[in-house]
Amino acid sequence: MTDALVQVTGLKKTFDLSRPLINRILDRSGRQVVHAVDGVDFAIPRGQTLSLVGESGCGKSTVAKLLMGLTAPSGGSIRFDGVELAGRPAGSPPETRRRMQMIFQDPYASLNPRWRVARIIGEPMKSYGTHPDPADRRREVDRLLEFVGLSAADGEKFPHEFSGGQRQRISIARAISTKPEFLVCDEPTSALDVSVQAQILNLMRELQRELGLTYLFISHDLAVVNYISDMIGVMYLGRLVELAPAEEIFARPQHPYTRLLLDTIPDIGMKNRDIDRPAGEVPNPITPPLGCHFHPRCPHADARCRSEAPQFLPQGAAQVRCHAVAEGRLSPEPLRKAG
């Protein structure tokens, strides 16, 4: 995409879980490597939201950390506004990293309990030199607190004096304090009550409209994803298996795993109770299945699925990693109503 602010190509991350060398020699065992992210490709246009969904351990949060430089990729490319970030030291280049910020899952653990809120929000501005004058920095902190629905007086309090939703508002104020263009949101509402989730999501959409922000949103909650997303990427064992506009994912899911996720949404009418759906548990990521990683749980798998990894190919408005879809063996589902 020519208008993409973020472009990720062939992104990989492996973790070596091997036992010490002497133990491997005695046991005559080899190395154990987890492919947490295994060749992920996506692009996020300016001002839009891409959400990554999938079961726990599929690699969503690892992708977020790779983009933010919190861990180094094992391979692939990460380009932000044309600047290559893969292979650079953490925090480099500073001017580009200033334009990228992150909202973490736990709104309490991500805030320093010994610092007052004004210092927490002002620290990024001090670090990047955007507001070197302390008085000017404090005025900007007060403005940001009011912008996210708190008061300027809250700057003198400590994080433990706030509720979970208020702490997440503080995290958002800190994230936008350097005037970023791109926010990575790693399950920012999962630790909150449903009513508070709605407030935070509405705040994030308002910020996106007013500041022109671009989001990478990580979540396992399909209702949240449906509300905030422009594009949705479905991950399974480190790979993207489907990437499509949000309305396309919810109306016409193609990959069997995407259909499985959508069928976890409560169905009061039980219209789909007799349909044969994928079942079983997620395989061990240390020894993933050959071929398509999803084939042990897929009722449409054949010999090719068990031996050859599918490619990530265009299928209408989507990109899908599935032999059954590419070969036309998997019939399209009836049009779903948007949830």
C-alpha atoms as a PDB file:
ATOM      1  CA  MET A   1       0.000   0.000   0.000  1.00  0.00           C
ATOM      2  CA  THR A   2       1.441   3.380  -0.990  1.00  0.00           C
ATOM      3  CA  ASP A   3      -0.423   5.150   1.861  1.00  0.00           C
ATOM      4  CA  ALA A   4       0.657   2.639   4.535  1.00  0.00           C
ATOM      5  CA  LEU A   5       2.210   4.191   7.634  1.00  0.00           C
ATOM      6  CA  VAL A   6       3.356   0.776   8.888  1.00  0.00           C
ATOM      7  CA  GLN A   7       4.547  -1.993   6.551  1.00  0.00           C
ATOM      8  CA  VAL A   8       5.535  -5.403   7.947  1.00  0.00           C
ATOM      9  CA  THR A   9       7.028  -8.042   5.624  1.00  0.00           C
ATOM     10  CA  GLY A  10       8.143 -11.572   6.478  1.00  0.00           C
ATOM     11  CA  LEU A  11       8.366 -10.766  10.195  1.00  0.00           C
ATOM     12  CA  LYS A  12       9.800 -13.621  12.293  1.00  0.00           C
ATOM     13  CA  LYS A  13      10.708 -14.186  15.923  1.00  0.00           C
ATOM     14  CA  THR A  14      12.109 -17.407  17.384  1.00  0.00           C
ATOM     15  CA  PHE A  15      12.851 -18.163  21.020  1.00  0.00           C
ATOM     16  CA  ASP A  16      15.427 -20.805  21.956  1.00  0.00           C
ATOM     17  CA  LEU A  17      14.028 -22.900  24.823  1.00  0.00           C
ATOM     18  CA  SER A  18      16.801 -25.496  24.684  1.00  0.00           C
ATOM     19  CA  ARG A  19      18.213 -27.022  27.835  1.00  0.00           C
ATOM     20  CA  PRO A  20      21.892 -26.380  28.681  1.00  0.00           C
ATOM     21  CA  LEU A  21      24.393 -27.994  26.333  1.00  0.00           C
ATOM     22  CA  ILE A  22      25.619 -30.583  28.844  1.00  0.00           C
ATOM     23  CA  ASN A  23      22.058 -31.773  29.475  1.00  0.00           C
ATOM     24  CA  ARG A  24      21.414 -32.084  25.747  1.00  0.00           C
ATOM     25  CA  ILE A  25      24.590 -34.121  25.315  1.00  0.00           C
ATOM     26  CA  LEU A  26      23.692 -36.484  28.154  1.00  0.00           C
ATOM     27  CA  ASP A  27      20.096 -36.877  26.979  1.00  0.00           C
ATOM     28  CA  ARG A  28      21.089 -36.926  23.302  1.00  0.00           C
ATOM     29  CA  SER A  29      18.411 -34.345  22.616  1.00  0.00           C
ATOM     30  CA  GLY A  30      18.407 -31.428  20.207  1.00  0.00           C
ATOM     31  CA  ARG A  31      17.509 -27.790  20.459  1.00  0.00           C
ATOM     32  CA  GLN A  32      13.953 -26.662  21.115  1.00  0.00           C
ATOM     33  CA  VAL A  33      12.884 -23.527  19.270  1.00  0.00           C
ATOM     34  CA  VAL A  34       9.527 -21.762  19.322  1.00  0.00           C
ATOM     35  CA  HIS A  35       8.550 -19.841  16.184  1.00  0.00           C
ATOM     36  CA  ALA A  36       6.461 -17.242  18.017  1.00  0.00           C
ATOM     37  CA  VAL A  37       6.044 -15.173  14.838  1.00  0.00           C
ATOM     38  CA  ASP A  38       6.503 -17.050  11.586  1.00  0.00           C
ATOM     39  CA  GLY A  39       6.509 -14.873   8.474  1.00  0.00           C
ATOM     40  CA  VAL A  40       3.830 -12.245   9.146  1.00  0.00           C
ATOM     41  CA  ASP A  41       2.910  -9.675   6.470  1.00  0.00           C
ATOM     42  CA  PHE A  42       0.552  -6.714   6.850  1.00  0.00           C
ATOM     43  CA  ALA A  43       0.240  -2.989   6.195  1.00  0.00           C
ATOM     44  CA  ILE A  44      -1.678  -0.354   8.163  1.00  0.00           C
ATOM     45  CA  PRO A  45      -2.881   2.719   6.232  1.00  0.00           C
ATOM     46  CA  ARG A  46      -2.682   6.101   7.949  1.00  0.00           C
ATOM     47  CA  GLY A  47      -5.568   6.843  10.287  1.00  0.00           C
ATOM     48  CA  GLN A  48      -6.886   3.261  10.316  1.00  0.00           C
ATOM     49  CA  THR A  49      -6.987   0.419  12.838  1.00  0.00           C
ATOM     50  CA  LEU A  50      -5.674  -3.089  12.239  1.00  0.00           C
ATOM     51  CA  SER A  51      -6.665  -5.593  14.922  1.00  0.00           C
ATOM     52  CA  LEU A  52      -4.898  -8.901  15.520  1.00  0.00           C
ATOM     53  CA  VAL A  53      -7.017 -11.667  17.062  1.00  0.00           C
ATOM     54  CA  GLY A  54      -6.426 -15.282  17.985  1.00  0.00           C
ATOM     55  CA  GLU A  55      -6.119 -17.662  20.905  1.00  0.00           C
ATOM     56  CA  SER A  56      -3.579 -17.109  23.683  1.00  0.00           C
ATOM     57  CA  GLY A  57      -0.045 -17.899  22.552  1.00  0.00           C
ATOM     58  CA  CYS A  58      -0.658 -17.263  18.843  1.00  0.00           C
ATOM     59  CA  GLY A  59       1.933 -14.455  18.689  1.00  0.00           C
ATOM     60  CA  LYS A  60      -0.209 -11.302  18.834  1.00  0.00           C
ATOM     61  CA  SER A  61       1.636  -9.628  21.703  1.00  0.00           C
ATOM     62  CA  THR A  62       5.013 -10.674  20.284  1.00  0.00           C
ATOM     63  CA  VAL A  63       4.175  -8.784  17.077  1.00  0.00           C
ATOM     64  CA  ALA A  64       3.377  -5.714  19.193  1.00  0.00           C
ATOM     65  CA  LYS A  65       6.710  -5.943  21.028  1.00  0.00           C
ATOM     66  CA  LEU A  66       8.605  -6.391  17.763  1.00  0.00           C
ATOM     67  CA  LEU A  67       7.070  -3.257  16.292  1.00  0.00           C
ATOM     68  CA  MET A  68       7.915  -1.233  19.390  1.00  0.00           C
ATOM     69  CA  GLY A  69      11.504  -2.486  19.552  1.00  0.00           C
ATOM     70  CA  LEU A  70      10.960  -4.208  22.926  1.00  0.00           C
ATOM     71  CA  THR A  71      12.407  -7.363  21.397  1.00  0.00           C
ATOM     72  CA  ALA A  72      14.514  -7.830  18.269  1.00  0.00           C
ATOM     73  CA  PRO A  73      13.078  -9.707  15.272  1.00  0.00           C
ATOM     74  CA  SER A  74      14.781 -12.857  14.008  1.00  0.00           C
ATOM     75  CA  GLY A  75      13.992 -11.895  10.416  1.00  0.00           C
ATOM     76  CA  GLY A  76      11.820  -9.757   8.191  1.00  0.00           C
ATOM     77  CA  SER A  77      11.204  -6.053   7.725  1.00  0.00           C
ATOM     78  CA  ILE A  78       9.425  -3.386   9.794  1.00  0.00           C
ATOM     79  CA  ARG A  79       9.043  -0.068   7.990  1.00  0.00           C
ATOM     80  CA  PHE A  80       7.488   2.988   9.629  1.00  0.00           C
ATOM     81  CA  ASP A  81       6.774   5.828   7.214  1.00  0.00           C
ATOM     82  CA  GLY A  82       9.506   4.434   4.965  1.00  0.00           C
ATOM     83  CA  VAL A  83      12.121   4.050   7.741  1.00  0.00           C
ATOM     84  CA  GLU A  84      13.434   0.513   8.315  1.00  0.00           C
ATOM     85  CA  LEU A  85      13.357  -0.380  12.026  1.00  0.00           C
ATOM     86  CA  ALA A  86      14.295  -4.068  11.981  1.00  0.00           C
ATOM     87  CA  GLY A  87      17.891  -4.621  13.035  1.00  0.00           C
ATOM     88  CA  ARG A  88      18.291  -1.216  14.692  1.00  0.00           C
ATOM     89  CA  PRO A  89      19.156  -0.775  18.397  1.00  0.00           C
ATOM     90  CA  ALA A  90      16.249  -0.316  20.819  1.00  0.00           C
ATOM     91  CA  GLY A  91      14.871   3.229  20.686  1.00  0.00           C
ATOM     92  CA  SER A  92      16.605   4.054  17.417  1.00  0.00           C
ATOM     93  CA  PRO A  93      16.105   6.307  15.556  1.00  0.00           C
ATOM     94  CA  PRO A  94      14.701   8.515  18.366  1.00  0.00           C
ATOM     95  CA  GLU A  95      12.630  10.802  16.133  1.00  0.00           C
ATOM     96  CA  THR A  96      10.840   7.818  14.581  1.00  0.00           C
ATOM     97  CA  ARG A  97      10.354   6.078  17.919  1.00  0.00           C
ATOM     98  CA  ARG A  98       8.813   9.269  19.330  1.00  0.00           C
ATOM     99  CA  ARG A  99       6.056   8.878  16.754  1.00  0.00           C
ATOM    100  CA  MET A 100       5.318   5.323  17.960  1.00  0.00           C
ATOM    101  CA  GLN A 101       3.906   4.672  21.438  1.00  0.00           C
ATOM    102  CA  MET A 102       2.240   1.792  23.265  1.00  0.00           C
ATOM    103  CA  ILE A 103      -0.703   1.242  25.608  1.00  0.00           C
ATOM    104  CA  PHE A 104      -0.185  -1.834  27.770  1.00  0.00           C
ATOM    105  CA  GLN A 105      -2.675  -4.427  28.960  1.00  0.00           C
ATOM    106  CA  ASP A 106      -2.392  -3.890  32.717  1.00  0.00           C
ATOM    107  CA  PRO A 107      -3.154  -0.238  33.542  1.00  0.00           C
ATOM    108  CA  TYR A 108      -1.534  -0.553  36.975  1.00  0.00           C
ATOM    109  CA  ALA A 109       1.608  -2.590  36.292  1.00  0.00           C
ATOM    110  CA  SER A 110       2.555  -0.230  33.450  1.00  0.00           C
ATOM    111  CA  LEU A 111       2.576   2.831  35.764  1.00  0.00           C
ATOM    112  CA  ASN A 112       5.358   3.516  38.277  1.00  0.00           C
ATOM    113  CA  PRO A 113       3.618   3.306  41.690  1.00  0.00           C
ATOM    114  CA  ARG A 114       6.187   5.644  43.292  1.00  0.00           C
ATOM    115  CA  TRP A 115       5.695   8.484  40.816  1.00  0.00           C
ATOM    116  CA  ARG A 116       2.919  11.022  40.803  1.00  0.00           C
ATOM    117  CA  VAL A 117       0.740  11.056  37.709  1.00  0.00           C
ATOM    118  CA  ALA A 118       2.144  14.377  36.470  1.00  0.00           C
ATOM    119  CA  ARG A 119       5.653  12.904  36.403  1.00  0.00           C
ATOM    120  CA  ILE A 120       4.456   9.701  34.704  1.00  0.00           C
ATOM    121  CA  ILE A 121       2.825  11.623  31.863  1.00  0.00           C
ATOM    122  CA  GLY A 122       5.597  14.189  31.602  1.00  0.00           C
ATOM    123  CA  GLU A 123       8.497  11.739  31.499  1.00  0.00           C
ATOM    124  CA  PRO A 124       8.213  10.910  27.748  1.00  0.00           C
ATOM    125  CA  MET A 125       8.126  14.631  26.929  1.00  0.00           C
ATOM    126  CA  LYS A 126      11.247  15.138  29.031  1.00  0.00           C
ATOM    127  CA  SER A 127      13.027  12.131  27.499  1.00  0.00           C
ATOM    128  CA  TYR A 128      12.353  13.168  23.900  1.00  0.00           C
ATOM    129  CA  GLY A 129      12.871  16.871  24.590  1.00  0.00           C
ATOM    130  CA  THR A 130       9.500  17.957  23.227  1.00  0.00           C
ATOM    131  CA  HIS A 131       8.835  20.189  26.286  1.00  0.00           C
ATOM    132  CA  PRO A 132      12.192  20.991  27.924  1.00  0.00           C
ATOM    133  CA  ASP A 133      10.788  23.754  30.149  1.00  0.00           C
ATOM    134  CA  PRO A 134       9.265  22.225  33.363  1.00  0.00           C
ATOM    135  CA  ALA A 135       6.476  24.805  33.581  1.00  0.00           C
ATOM    136  CA  ASP A 136       5.529  24.303  29.939  1.00  0.00           C
ATOM    137  CA  ARG A 137       5.657  20.535  30.438  1.00  0.00           C
ATOM    138  CA  ARG A 138       3.322  20.732  33.447  1.00  0.00           C
ATOM    139  CA  ARG A 139       0.822  22.837  31.505  1.00  0.00           C
ATOM    140  CA  GLU A 140       0.826  20.196  28.771  1.00  0.00           C
ATOM    141  CA  VAL A 141       0.320  17.431  31.374  1.00  0.00           C
ATOM    142  CA  ASP A 142      -2.687  19.287  32.786  1.00  0.00           C
ATOM    143  CA  ARG A 143      -4.122  19.681  29.287  1.00  0.00           C
ATOM    144  CA  LEU A 144      -3.670  15.994  28.534  1.00  0.00           C
ATOM    145  CA  LEU A 145      -5.330  14.938  31.783  1.00  0.00           C
ATOM    146  CA  GLU A 146      -8.393  17.005  30.940  1.00  0.00           C
ATOM    147  CA  PHE A 147      -8.281  15.767  27.341  1.00  0.00           C
ATOM    148  CA  VAL A 148      -8.676  12.129  28.481  1.00  0.00           C
ATOM    149  CA  GLY A 149     -11.482  12.944  30.933  1.00  0.00           C
ATOM    150  CA  LEU A 150      -9.566  13.520  34.175  1.00  0.00           C
ATOM    151  CA  SER A 151      -8.746  16.762  35.986  1.00  0.00           C
ATOM    152  CA  ALA A 152      -5.509  18.732  36.227  1.00  0.00           C
ATOM    153  CA  ALA A 153      -5.526  18.189  40.007  1.00  0.00           C
ATOM    154  CA  ASP A 154      -5.174  14.443  39.419  1.00  0.00           C
ATOM    155  CA  GLY A 155      -1.571  15.050  38.433  1.00  0.00           C
ATOM    156  CA  GLU A 156      -0.605  15.250  42.127  1.00  0.00           C
ATOM    157  CA  LYS A 157      -2.012  11.805  42.927  1.00  0.00           C
ATOM    158  CA  PHE A 158      -0.401   8.363  42.757  1.00  0.00           C
ATOM    159  CA  PRO A 159      -1.635   5.526  40.491  1.00  0.00           C
ATOM    160  CA  HIS A 160      -3.103   3.501  43.383  1.00  0.00           C
ATOM    161  CA  GLU A 161      -5.600   6.304  44.048  1.00  0.00           C
ATOM    162  CA  PHE A 162      -7.414   5.656  40.761  1.00  0.00           C
ATOM    163  CA  SER A 163      -9.768   2.996  39.422  1.00  0.00           C
ATOM    164  CA  GLY A 164      -8.735   0.657  36.605  1.00  0.00           C
ATOM    165  CA  GLY A 165     -10.468   2.758  33.961  1.00  0.00           C
ATOM    166  CA  GLN A 166      -8.910   5.961  35.260  1.00  0.00           C
ATOM    167  CA  ARG A 167      -5.466   4.351  35.266  1.00  0.00           C
ATOM    168  CA  GLN A 168      -5.929   3.345  31.652  1.00  0.00           C
ATOM    169  CA  ARG A 169      -6.819   6.959  30.841  1.00  0.00           C
ATOM    170  CA  ILE A 170      -3.535   7.967  32.452  1.00  0.00           C
ATOM    171  CA  SER A 171      -1.746   5.392  30.286  1.00  0.00           C
ATOM    172  CA  ILE A 172      -3.410   6.852  27.197  1.00  0.00           C
ATOM    173  CA  ALA A 173      -2.429  10.404  28.227  1.00  0.00           C
ATOM    174  CA  ARG A 174       1.168   9.245  28.627  1.00  0.00           C
ATOM    175  CA  ALA A 175       1.079   7.502  25.236  1.00  0.00           C
ATOM    176  CA  ILE A 176      -0.104  10.608  23.368  1.00  0.00           C
ATOM    177  CA  SER A 177       2.136  13.033  25.290  1.00  0.00           C
ATOM    178  CA  THR A 178       4.834  12.956  22.578  1.00  0.00           C
ATOM    179  CA  LYS A 179       2.269  13.597  19.818  1.00  0.00           C
ATOM    180  CA  PRO A 180       2.670  10.167  18.193  1.00  0.00           C
ATOM    181  CA  GLU A 181       1.108   9.070  14.927  1.00  0.00           C
ATOM    182  CA  PHE A 182       0.970   5.341  15.702  1.00  0.00           C
ATOM    183  CA  LEU A 183      -0.235   3.542  18.836  1.00  0.00           C
ATOM    184  CA  VAL A 184       0.209  -0.148  19.599  1.00  0.00           C
ATOM    185  CA  CYS A 185      -2.614  -1.176  21.932  1.00  0.00           C
ATOM    186  CA  ASP A 186      -1.945  -4.547  23.598  1.00  0.00           C
ATOM    187  CA  GLU A 187      -5.338  -5.656  24.961  1.00  0.00           C
ATOM    188  CA  PRO A 188      -5.925  -2.235  26.579  1.00  0.00           C
ATOM    189  CA  THR A 189      -9.436  -3.106  27.792  1.00  0.00           C
ATOM    190  CA  SER A 190      -9.119  -6.762  28.847  1.00  0.00           C
ATOM    191  CA  ALA A 191      -8.508  -5.939  32.537  1.00  0.00           C
ATOM    192  CA  LEU A 192     -11.512  -3.610  32.733  1.00  0.00           C
ATOM    193  CA  ASP A 193     -15.220  -4.042  33.425  1.00  0.00           C
ATOM    194  CA  VAL A 194     -17.522  -4.036  30.402  1.00  0.00           C
ATOM    195  CA  SER A 195     -18.939  -0.567  31.084  1.00  0.00           C
ATOM    196  CA  VAL A 196     -15.435   0.852  31.544  1.00  0.00           C
ATOM    197  CA  GLN A 197     -14.281  -0.908  28.366  1.00  0.00           C
ATOM    198  CA  ALA A 198     -16.903   1.023  26.415  1.00  0.00           C
ATOM    199  CA  GLN A 199     -15.654   4.332  27.842  1.00  0.00           C
ATOM    200  CA  ILE A 200     -12.028   3.579  26.941  1.00  0.00           C
ATOM    201  CA  LEU A 201     -12.945   2.404  23.428  1.00  0.00           C
ATOM    202  CA  ASN A 202     -15.014   5.534  22.821  1.00  0.00           C
ATOM    203  CA  LEU A 203     -12.087   7.643  24.039  1.00  0.00           C
ATOM    204  CA  MET A 204      -9.712   5.841  21.666  1.00  0.00           C
ATOM    205  CA  ARG A 205     -12.026   6.376  18.704  1.00  0.00           C
ATOM    206  CA  GLU A 206     -12.373  10.054  19.607  1.00  0.00           C
ATOM    207  CA  LEU A 207      -8.583  10.387  19.813  1.00  0.00           C
ATOM    208  CA  GLN A 208      -8.239   8.724  16.427  1.00  0.00           C
ATOM    209  CA  ARG A 209     -10.662  11.187  14.844  1.00  0.00           C
ATOM    210  CA  GLU A 210      -9.142  14.270  16.464  1.00  0.00           C
ATOM    211  CA  LEU A 211      -5.446  13.376  16.244  1.00  0.00           C
ATOM    212  CA  GLY A 212      -5.451  11.212  13.107  1.00  0.00           C
ATOM    213  CA  LEU A 213      -3.899   8.263  14.968  1.00  0.00           C
ATOM    214  CA  THR A 214      -3.135   4.886  13.439  1.00  0.00           C
ATOM    215  CA  TYR A 215      -3.683   1.827  15.659  1.00  0.00           C
ATOM    216  CA  LEU A 216      -2.431  -1.724  15.901  1.00  0.00           C
ATOM    217  CA  PHE A 217      -5.003  -3.197  18.277  1.00  0.00           C
ATOM    218  CA  ILE A 218      -4.382  -6.549  20.001  1.00  0.00           C
ATOM    219  CA  SER A 219      -7.386  -8.346  21.469  1.00  0.00           C
ATOM    220  CA  HIS A 220      -9.128 -11.681  21.923  1.00  0.00           C
ATOM    221  CA  ASP A 221     -12.539 -10.047  22.410  1.00  0.00           C
ATOM    222  CA  LEU A 222     -14.378 -10.182  19.087  1.00  0.00           C
ATOM    223  CA  ALA A 223     -17.014  -7.670  20.195  1.00  0.00           C
ATOM    224  CA  VAL A 224     -14.292  -5.115  20.932  1.00  0.00           C
ATOM    225  CA  VAL A 225     -12.535  -5.883  17.648  1.00  0.00           C
ATOM    226  CA  ASN A 226     -15.764  -5.502  15.667  1.00  0.00           C
ATOM    227  CA  TYR A 227     -16.338  -2.080  17.228  1.00  0.00           C
ATOM    228  CA  ILE A 228     -12.940  -0.499  16.662  1.00  0.00           C
ATOM    229  CA  SER A 229     -11.357  -2.153  13.603  1.00  0.00           C
ATOM    230  CA  ASP A 230     -11.002  -1.225   9.953  1.00  0.00           C
ATOM    231  CA  MET A 231      -8.950  -4.367   9.188  1.00  0.00           C
ATOM    232  CA  ILE A 232      -8.653  -7.646  11.075  1.00  0.00           C
ATOM    233  CA  GLY A 233      -5.816 -10.158  11.008  1.00  0.00           C
ATOM    234  CA  VAL A 234      -6.451 -13.636  12.411  1.00  0.00           C
ATOM    235  CA  MET A 235      -3.358 -15.364  13.841  1.00  0.00           C
ATOM    236  CA  TYR A 236      -2.749 -19.035  14.577  1.00  0.00           C
ATOM    237  CA  LEU A 237       0.533 -20.428  15.929  1.00  0.00           C
ATOM    238  CA  GLY A 238       2.585 -17.466  14.772  1.00  0.00           C
ATOM    239  CA  ARG A 239       1.066 -17.148  11.290  1.00  0.00           C
ATOM    240  CA  LEU A 240      -1.586 -14.879   9.844  1.00  0.00           C
ATOM    241  CA  VAL A 241      -4.271 -17.171   8.424  1.00  0.00           C
ATOM    242  CA  GLU A 242      -6.687 -14.469   7.260  1.00  0.00           C
ATOM    243  CA  LEU A 243      -6.466 -10.711   6.748  1.00  0.00           C
ATOM    244  CA  ALA A 244      -9.475  -8.726   5.537  1.00  0.00           C
ATOM    245  CA  PRO A 245     -11.630  -5.656   6.144  1.00  0.00           C
ATOM    246  CA  ALA A 246     -13.533  -5.976   9.416  1.00  0.00           C
ATOM    247  CA  GLU A 247     -16.949  -6.147   7.778  1.00  0.00           C
ATOM    248  CA  GLU A 248     -15.711  -8.906   5.464  1.00  0.00           C
ATOM    249  CA  ILE A 249     -14.357 -10.991   8.358  1.00  0.00           C
ATOM    250  CA  PHE A 250     -17.629 -10.865  10.251  1.00  0.00           C
ATOM    251  CA  ALA A 251     -19.895 -11.251   7.220  1.00  0.00           C
ATOM    252  CA  ARG A 252     -17.969 -13.779   5.080  1.00  0.00           C
ATOM    253  CA  PRO A 253     -15.194 -15.532   7.057  1.00  0.00           C
ATOM    254  CA  GLN A 254     -13.176 -17.852   4.826  1.00  0.00           C
ATOM    255  CA  HIS A 255     -10.526 -19.668   6.859  1.00  0.00           C
ATOM    256  CA  PRO A 256     -11.853 -22.538   9.046  1.00  0.00           C
ATOM    257  CA  TYR A 257     -10.110 -21.054  12.087  1.00  0.00           C
ATOM    258  CA  THR A 258     -11.736 -17.660  11.535  1.00  0.00           C
ATOM    259  CA  ARG A 259     -15.102 -19.422  11.399  1.00  0.00           C
ATOM    260  CA  LEU A 260     -14.253 -21.232  14.624  1.00  0.00           C
ATOM    261  CA  LEU A 261     -13.501 -17.950  16.384  1.00  0.00           C
ATOM    262  CA  LEU A 262     -16.720 -16.360  15.172  1.00  0.00           C
ATOM    263  CA  ASP A 263     -18.718 -19.389  16.308  1.00  0.00           C
ATOM    264  CA  THR A 264     -17.546 -18.741  19.866  1.00  0.00           C
ATOM    265  CA  ILE A 265     -19.830 -15.692  19.880  1.00  0.00           C
ATOM    266  CA  PRO A 266     -23.004 -16.707  21.780  1.00  0.00           C
ATOM    267  CA  ASP A 267     -25.760 -17.794  19.390  1.00  0.00           C
ATOM    268  CA  ILE A 268     -29.101 -17.462  21.160  1.00  0.00           C
ATOM    269  CA  GLY A 269     -31.015 -19.049  18.292  1.00  0.00           C
ATOM    270  CA  MET A 270     -28.489 -21.959  18.098  1.00  0.00           C
ATOM    271  CA  LYS A 271     -28.810 -21.891  14.305  1.00  0.00           C
ATOM    272  CA  ASN A 272     -25.351 -23.376  13.818  1.00  0.00           C
ATOM    273  CA  ARG A 273     -25.479 -26.132  16.445  1.00  0.00           C
ATOM    274  CA  ASP A 274     -25.538 -28.988  13.892  1.00  0.00           C
ATOM    275  CA  ILE A 275     -22.730 -27.645  11.673  1.00  0.00           C
ATOM    276  CA  ASP A 276     -19.461 -29.588  11.747  1.00  0.00           C
ATOM    277  CA  ARG A 277     -16.918 -27.222  13.278  1.00  0.00           C
ATOM    278  CA  PRO A 278     -13.207 -27.498  14.064  1.00  0.00           C
ATOM    279  CA  ALA A 279     -12.467 -28.774  17.567  1.00  0.00           C
ATOM    280  CA  GLY A 280      -9.544 -29.884  19.702  1.00  0.00           C
ATOM    281  CA  GLU A 281      -6.699 -28.050  21.391  1.00  0.00           C
ATOM    282  CA  VAL A 282      -3.937 -25.807  20.047  1.00  0.00           C
ATOM    283  CA  PRO A 283      -0.863 -27.976  19.198  1.00  0.00           C
ATOM    284  CA  ASN A 284       2.405 -27.639  21.092  1.00  0.00           C
ATOM    285  CA  PRO A 285       4.158 -24.575  19.584  1.00  0.00           C
ATOM    286  CA  ILE A 286       7.562 -26.202  20.144  1.00  0.00           C
ATOM    287  CA  THR A 287       6.622 -29.047  17.783  1.00  0.00           C
ATOM    288  CA  PRO A 288       3.934 -27.602  15.497  1.00  0.00           C
ATOM    289  CA  PRO A 289       2.276 -29.851  12.903  1.00  0.00           C
ATOM    290  CA  LEU A 290       3.829 -30.136   9.457  1.00  0.00           C
ATOM    291  CA  GLY A 291       2.092 -28.404   6.576  1.00  0.00           C
ATOM    292  CA  CYS A 292      -0.826 -26.267   7.689  1.00  0.00           C
ATOM    293  CA  HIS A 293      -0.596 -25.736  11.440  1.00  0.00           C
ATOM    294  CA  PHE A 294      -4.381 -25.902  11.728  1.00  0.00           C
ATOM    295  CA  HIS A 295      -4.887 -29.240   9.965  1.00  0.00           C
ATOM    296  CA  PRO A 296      -5.231 -31.416  13.145  1.00  0.00           C
ATOM    297  CA  ARG A 297      -8.342 -29.423  14.075  1.00  0.00           C
ATOM    298  CA  CYS A 298      -9.749 -28.848  10.593  1.00  0.00           C
ATOM    299  CA  PRO A 299     -12.541 -31.060   9.156  1.00  0.00           C
ATOM    300  CA  HIS A 300     -11.545 -29.977   5.616  1.00  0.00           C
ATOM    301  CA  ALA A 301      -7.888 -31.087   5.826  1.00  0.00           C
ATOM    302  CA  ASP A 302      -6.488 -33.529   3.260  1.00  0.00           C
ATOM    303  CA  ALA A 303      -3.077 -35.021   2.506  1.00  0.00           C
ATOM    304  CA  ARG A 304      -1.765 -31.773   1.015  1.00  0.00           C
ATOM    305  CA  CYS A 305      -2.746 -29.844   4.158  1.00  0.00           C
ATOM    306  CA  ARG A 306      -0.774 -32.318   6.276  1.00  0.00           C
ATOM    307  CA  SER A 307       2.413 -32.048   4.234  1.00  0.00           C
ATOM    308  CA  GLU A 308       2.592 -28.622   2.529  1.00  0.00           C
ATOM    309  CA  ALA A 309       2.317 -25.227   4.223  1.00  0.00           C
ATOM    310  CA  PRO A 310      -0.273 -23.049   2.423  1.00  0.00           C
ATOM    311  CA  GLN A 311       0.647 -19.666   0.998  1.00  0.00           C
ATOM    312  CA  PHE A 312      -0.963 -16.380   2.044  1.00  0.00           C
ATOM    313  CA  LEU A 313      -2.973 -15.676  -1.122  1.00  0.00           C
ATOM    314  CA  PRO A 314      -5.594 -13.094  -2.170  1.00  0.00           C
ATOM    315  CA  GLN A 315      -9.156 -14.402  -2.056  1.00  0.00           C
ATOM    316  CA  GLY A 316     -11.578 -11.643  -3.002  1.00  0.00           C
ATOM    317  CA  ALA A 317     -11.230  -8.786  -0.508  1.00  0.00           C
ATOM    318  CA  ALA A 318      -9.202 -10.968   1.859  1.00  0.00           C
ATOM    319  CA  GLN A 319      -5.871 -12.755   2.041  1.00  0.00           C
ATOM    320  CA  VAL A 320      -6.187 -16.338   3.252  1.00  0.00           C
ATOM    321  CA  ARG A 321      -3.696 -19.072   4.137  1.00  0.00           C
ATOM    322  CA  CYS A 322      -5.692 -22.241   3.337  1.00  0.00           C
ATOM    323  CA  HIS A 323      -5.443 -24.983   0.711  1.00  0.00           C
ATOM    324  CA  ALA A 324      -9.165 -25.756   0.955  1.00  0.00           C
ATOM    325  CA  VAL A 325     -10.097 -22.147   0.191  1.00  0.00           C
ATOM    326  CA  ALA A 326      -7.556 -21.843  -2.637  1.00  0.00           C
ATOM    327  CA  GLU A 327      -8.745 -25.099  -4.244  1.00  0.00           C
ATOM    328  CA  GLY A 328     -12.437 -24.265  -3.855  1.00  0.00           C
ATOM    329  CA  ARG A 329     -13.061 -27.241  -1.552  1.00  0.00           C
ATOM    330  CA  LEU A 330     -14.421 -25.040   1.231  1.00  0.00           C
ATOM    331  CA  SER A 331     -17.770 -23.556   0.283  1.00  0.00           C
ATOM    332  CA  PRO A 332     -18.486 -19.977   1.332  1.00  0.00           C
ATOM    333  CA  GLU A 333     -20.610 -19.544   4.435  1.00  0.00           C
ATOM    334  CA  PRO A 334     -24.026 -17.900   4.198  1.00  0.00           C
ATOM    335  CA  LEU A 335     -23.872 -14.153   4.668  1.00  0.00           C
ATOM    336  CA  ARG A 336     -23.712 -13.402   8.381  1.00  0.00           C
ATOM    337  CA  LYS A 337     -25.381 -10.433   9.986  1.00  0.00           C
ATOM    338  CA  ALA A 338     -22.957  -7.886  11.397  1.00  0.00           C
ATOM    339  CA  GLY A 339     -22.705  -8.325  15.151  1.00  0.00           C
END
